[in-house]
Amino acid sequence: MGWLLRVHEAADYTAGSQKPVLVRQWMAQHQGLSLLAILNLLHQNVLQQWFHANPEVQANELLLHEMPVSESALSAQEAD
């Protein structure tokens, strides 16, 4: 596990302690996401294509492209 990024996640201010204690965590997901981003860059968006090929994602994809409707646009549509 020597290659994993070790970061300070938070400072613990427990009652009674004069100084905060740093909470250290292993953040393997940061390396994983970085590796996936590099893979995606080097292989013409292969991960994005794989993700959007999933039928469950395709079923909800139209929701991602919906535009918010303003109140004035709704009022104008009702007037027509």
C-alpha atoms as a PDB file:
ATOM      1  CA  MET A   1       0.000   0.000   0.000  1.00  0.00           C
ATOM      2  CA  GLY A   2       2.984   2.316  -0.222  1.00  0.00           C
ATOM      3  CA  TRP A   3       1.784   3.807  -3.520  1.00  0.00           C
ATOM      4  CA  LEU A   4      -1.568   4.971  -2.159  1.00  0.00           C
ATOM      5  CA  LEU A   5      -2.021   8.644  -1.440  1.00  0.00           C
ATOM      6  CA  ARG A   6      -2.179   9.334   2.268  1.00  0.00           C
ATOM      7  CA  VAL A   7      -3.933  12.567   3.128  1.00  0.00           C
ATOM      8  CA  HIS A   8      -5.125  14.375   6.204  1.00  0.00           C
ATOM      9  CA  GLU A   9      -8.883  14.037   6.080  1.00  0.00           C
ATOM     10  CA  ALA A  10      -9.816  16.195   9.052  1.00  0.00           C
ATOM     11  CA  ALA A  11      -8.725  17.614  12.375  1.00  0.00           C
ATOM     12  CA  ASP A  12     -10.154  15.993  15.503  1.00  0.00           C
ATOM     13  CA  TYR A  13     -11.049  18.546  18.160  1.00  0.00           C
ATOM     14  CA  THR A  14     -12.078  16.168  20.932  1.00  0.00           C
ATOM     15  CA  ALA A  15     -13.153  17.705  24.193  1.00  0.00           C
ATOM     16  CA  GLY A  16     -10.258  18.122  26.563  1.00  0.00           C
ATOM     17  CA  SER A  17      -7.402  18.124  24.067  1.00  0.00           C
ATOM     18  CA  GLN A  18      -5.332  21.281  23.728  1.00  0.00           C
ATOM     19  CA  LYS A  19      -4.285  20.667  20.121  1.00  0.00           C
ATOM     20  CA  PRO A  20      -6.258  19.075  17.285  1.00  0.00           C
ATOM     21  CA  VAL A  21      -5.182  15.609  16.164  1.00  0.00           C
ATOM     22  CA  LEU A  22      -4.918  15.137  12.400  1.00  0.00           C
ATOM     23  CA  VAL A  23      -7.018  12.267  11.062  1.00  0.00           C
ATOM     24  CA  ARG A  24      -5.129  10.473   8.295  1.00  0.00           C
ATOM     25  CA  GLN A  25      -6.886   8.340   5.683  1.00  0.00           C
ATOM     26  CA  TRP A  26      -5.866   6.302   2.658  1.00  0.00           C
ATOM     27  CA  MET A  27      -7.565   7.773  -0.406  1.00  0.00           C
ATOM     28  CA  ALA A  28      -7.337   4.987  -2.977  1.00  0.00           C
ATOM     29  CA  GLN A  29     -10.358   6.291  -4.882  1.00  0.00           C
ATOM     30  CA  HIS A  30      -8.378   9.410  -5.832  1.00  0.00           C
ATOM     31  CA  GLN A  31      -5.755   7.269  -7.580  1.00  0.00           C
ATOM     32  CA  GLY A  32      -8.464   5.127  -9.168  1.00  0.00           C
ATOM     33  CA  LEU A  33     -10.297   8.119 -10.592  1.00  0.00           C
ATOM     34  CA  SER A  34      -7.036   9.621 -11.852  1.00  0.00           C
ATOM     35  CA  LEU A  35      -6.137   6.372 -13.626  1.00  0.00           C
ATOM     36  CA  LEU A  36      -9.606   6.183 -15.204  1.00  0.00           C
ATOM     37  CA  ALA A  37      -9.301   9.783 -16.419  1.00  0.00           C
ATOM     38  CA  ILE A  38      -5.939   9.000 -18.045  1.00  0.00           C
ATOM     39  CA  LEU A  39      -7.348   5.834 -19.625  1.00  0.00           C
ATOM     40  CA  ASN A  40     -10.315   7.778 -20.957  1.00  0.00           C
ATOM     41  CA  LEU A  41      -8.036  10.456 -22.403  1.00  0.00           C
ATOM     42  CA  LEU A  42      -5.688   7.981 -24.106  1.00  0.00           C
ATOM     43  CA  HIS A  43      -8.456   5.796 -25.565  1.00  0.00           C
ATOM     44  CA  GLN A  44     -10.873   8.318 -27.127  1.00  0.00           C
ATOM     45  CA  ASN A  45     -13.461   8.512 -24.305  1.00  0.00           C
ATOM     46  CA  VAL A  46     -13.838   4.742 -23.922  1.00  0.00           C
ATOM     47  CA  LEU A  47     -15.229   5.084 -20.391  1.00  0.00           C
ATOM     48  CA  GLN A  48     -17.761   7.684 -21.409  1.00  0.00           C
ATOM     49  CA  GLN A  49     -18.907   5.474 -24.289  1.00  0.00           C
ATOM     50  CA  TRP A  50     -19.109   2.445 -21.998  1.00  0.00           C
ATOM     51  CA  PHE A  51     -21.137   4.423 -19.441  1.00  0.00           C
ATOM     52  CA  HIS A  52     -23.606   5.748 -22.021  1.00  0.00           C
ATOM     53  CA  ALA A  53     -24.012   2.264 -23.559  1.00  0.00           C
ATOM     54  CA  ASN A  54     -25.664   1.099 -20.324  1.00  0.00           C
ATOM     55  CA  PRO A  55     -29.448   0.750 -20.900  1.00  0.00           C
ATOM     56  CA  GLU A  56     -30.269   2.245 -17.494  1.00  0.00           C
ATOM     57  CA  VAL A  57     -28.229   5.353 -18.302  1.00  0.00           C
ATOM     58  CA  GLN A  58     -29.795   5.605 -21.760  1.00  0.00           C
ATOM     59  CA  ALA A  59     -33.265   5.453 -20.209  1.00  0.00           C
ATOM     60  CA  ASN A  60     -32.489   8.512 -18.080  1.00  0.00           C
ATOM     61  CA  GLU A  61     -30.282  10.414 -20.494  1.00  0.00           C
ATOM     62  CA  LEU A  62     -33.083  12.688 -21.736  1.00  0.00           C
ATOM     63  CA  LEU A  63     -33.491  14.015 -18.205  1.00  0.00           C
ATOM     64  CA  LEU A  64     -29.891  15.240 -18.304  1.00  0.00           C
ATOM     65  CA  HIS A  65     -30.678  17.386 -21.346  1.00  0.00           C
ATOM     66  CA  GLU A  66     -33.913  18.930 -20.041  1.00  0.00           C
ATOM     67  CA  MET A  67     -33.884  22.675 -19.802  1.00  0.00           C
ATOM     68  CA  PRO A  68     -35.375  24.354 -16.747  1.00  0.00           C
ATOM     69  CA  VAL A  69     -38.570  26.214 -17.543  1.00  0.00           C
ATOM     70  CA  SER A  70     -39.018  29.736 -16.275  1.00  0.00           C
ATOM     71  CA  GLU A  71     -42.303  30.980 -14.862  1.00  0.00           C
ATOM     72  CA  SER A  72     -42.609  33.603 -17.605  1.00  0.00           C
ATOM     73  CA  ALA A  73     -42.225  30.928 -20.316  1.00  0.00           C
ATOM     74  CA  LEU A  74     -45.008  28.888 -18.703  1.00  0.00           C
ATOM     75  CA  SER A  75     -47.265  31.958 -18.500  1.00  0.00           C
ATOM     76  CA  ALA A  76     -46.640  32.739 -22.193  1.00  0.00           C
ATOM     77  CA  GLN A  77     -47.446  29.148 -23.157  1.00  0.00           C
ATOM     78  CA  GLU A  78     -50.712  29.225 -21.170  1.00  0.00           C
ATOM     79  CA  ALA A  79     -51.704  32.498 -22.895  1.00  0.00           C
ATOM     80  CA  ASP A  80     -51.432  30.856 -26.344  1.00  0.00           C
END
